[in-house]
Amino acid sequence: VDQQHQQHQQQLGVGLQQQQQAVLQQQQQQQQGQQQVMQCRYLRVPEFLSYIRNRRLVTFKKLDDPKEPGFQLELLREQDYDTVTAALAAKLGLDDPTKIRLTQHNAYSMMPQRAPMKYRGVNKLEDMLRHAGHSVDVMYYETLDMSLPQLEQLKSLKVNFHNDKTEFVAEHVIRLPHHSQVGDVLQELSKKLGPDYADRKLRLLEVYHSKIFKVIAPTEEISSVNDSYWLLRAEPIPLDQDESSFSEGDRLIHVCHISTNNTKAESAGNNSPTHQSGPNNDAAGGGGFITTAPATTAATVTVFGDPFLLRIGPQETVGAVRSRVQGKLGVAAADFEHWRLAFVPVHAQLEYLSDEEVLAERFAAAEGHHGVGQDVNYLGLEHEDKGPKRPVGATRHTYERAVKIYS
């Protein structure tokens, strides 16, 4: 009887265990089903169809390398600016989405638009992917060293620094509050230049098409400075151009590198040029600033390279100025002997100079030490342009460049 009772108890225990296992399996299946439901993004058919209708596959590319293939993110056309930048930050592994700046796509050039997008400047992704009525699927991004809202409180200026030989050294980006002055820009730039220029006075110039249009006063506010139109050039002020060093009769003149069809003819072996030029006529673009001659001659003057300012004395001859220009630019004597100096007046013909002439007599008295752009007489240094060219009609941003092949 005891043995039968024990067997009965064992059978009951086994049956109870089986029931408990069945209950556990059923609970696990229910939990798995609930997890699958939770993982489903759209539980109802209308929500899923809305997702299919609004999804956009967007290609993001680096702003500084717009030809790269980039990567794609699936987003919704109704998503706002913060959601888009948060998704992009997660893809890039950034903790702060505000350190991303977006630039929209130009549907005509198939390149980034000139101006980046402001922080929360466009509300929806659908509007971000539209240009001139065209729908696009590309955007460009850049990662910043500070948050975009903070950056937009500052004005950024791209300044090209040139040395005493007028040679380009480096481009610097200066960020300062909008109420800052040009003197603050130069002070900030001086810190970036290092000890070589710590004791040098700097000035900021507006340059356009290889002509100096303005020496910007240190007291001028940077809010009025436009670095997208003008090329901003900073340079050390030569010691002989400090206001305290000027004597009576001294003046500051513009000096520009020029070439004419005379230059081209001589470089091609033709030694019978027509030595004349015509009135100054602003051409919008080109490999330099083109002065068109009167109908009586086909001669043209093209201004190229880096212009500069030069102090001349009241009795200084062209030969003495020639020697100083050669020393300033560091041109080899064998090359410089082929250069010709010419006086280029406003709305008149180019006039070549002899070494015996007094240069100051060629320049009318000016109100200040510098003039304004095309409306100023200047000394032309005629020689062959060996720098990068750009065709007439091109903008200041389009030069001939080496071809880069993207595979």
Foldseek 3Di string as FASTA:
>chain_A
DVVVVVVVVVVVVVVVVVVVVVVVVVVVVVVVVVVVCVPDPDNDDVVVVQLVVFKAWAFEAAQVCLPDRGHTDIDGQAAFPVVVLVVVCVVVVHPDSQQKWKFAADPPVRHTDPDTAADSNDTTNQVSQDDPRDGHRYMYMDGHPDGRVVQVQWDWAWEFEAELLLHTDDIDIDIDGQQAFQLVVQVVVLVVVPDVCVPFDKWKFWDDQQWTFDTDDRGHGCNPPDCVHTHIYMYTDDPCPDPVNDDPQKAKFKEFEKAKVCQVCVVVPHNDDDQKAFAQDAFADWQGGKRHHDPVDRMIMGTHDHMDMDIDHNQQFQLNVLVVSCVSNVDDPVQSVPKWKWKAAHGGMIGTGDRGHRVSVVADDDPHRYHGTNHGIHIYTYHDDPDWTDGGPDHPVDTDDDDDDDD
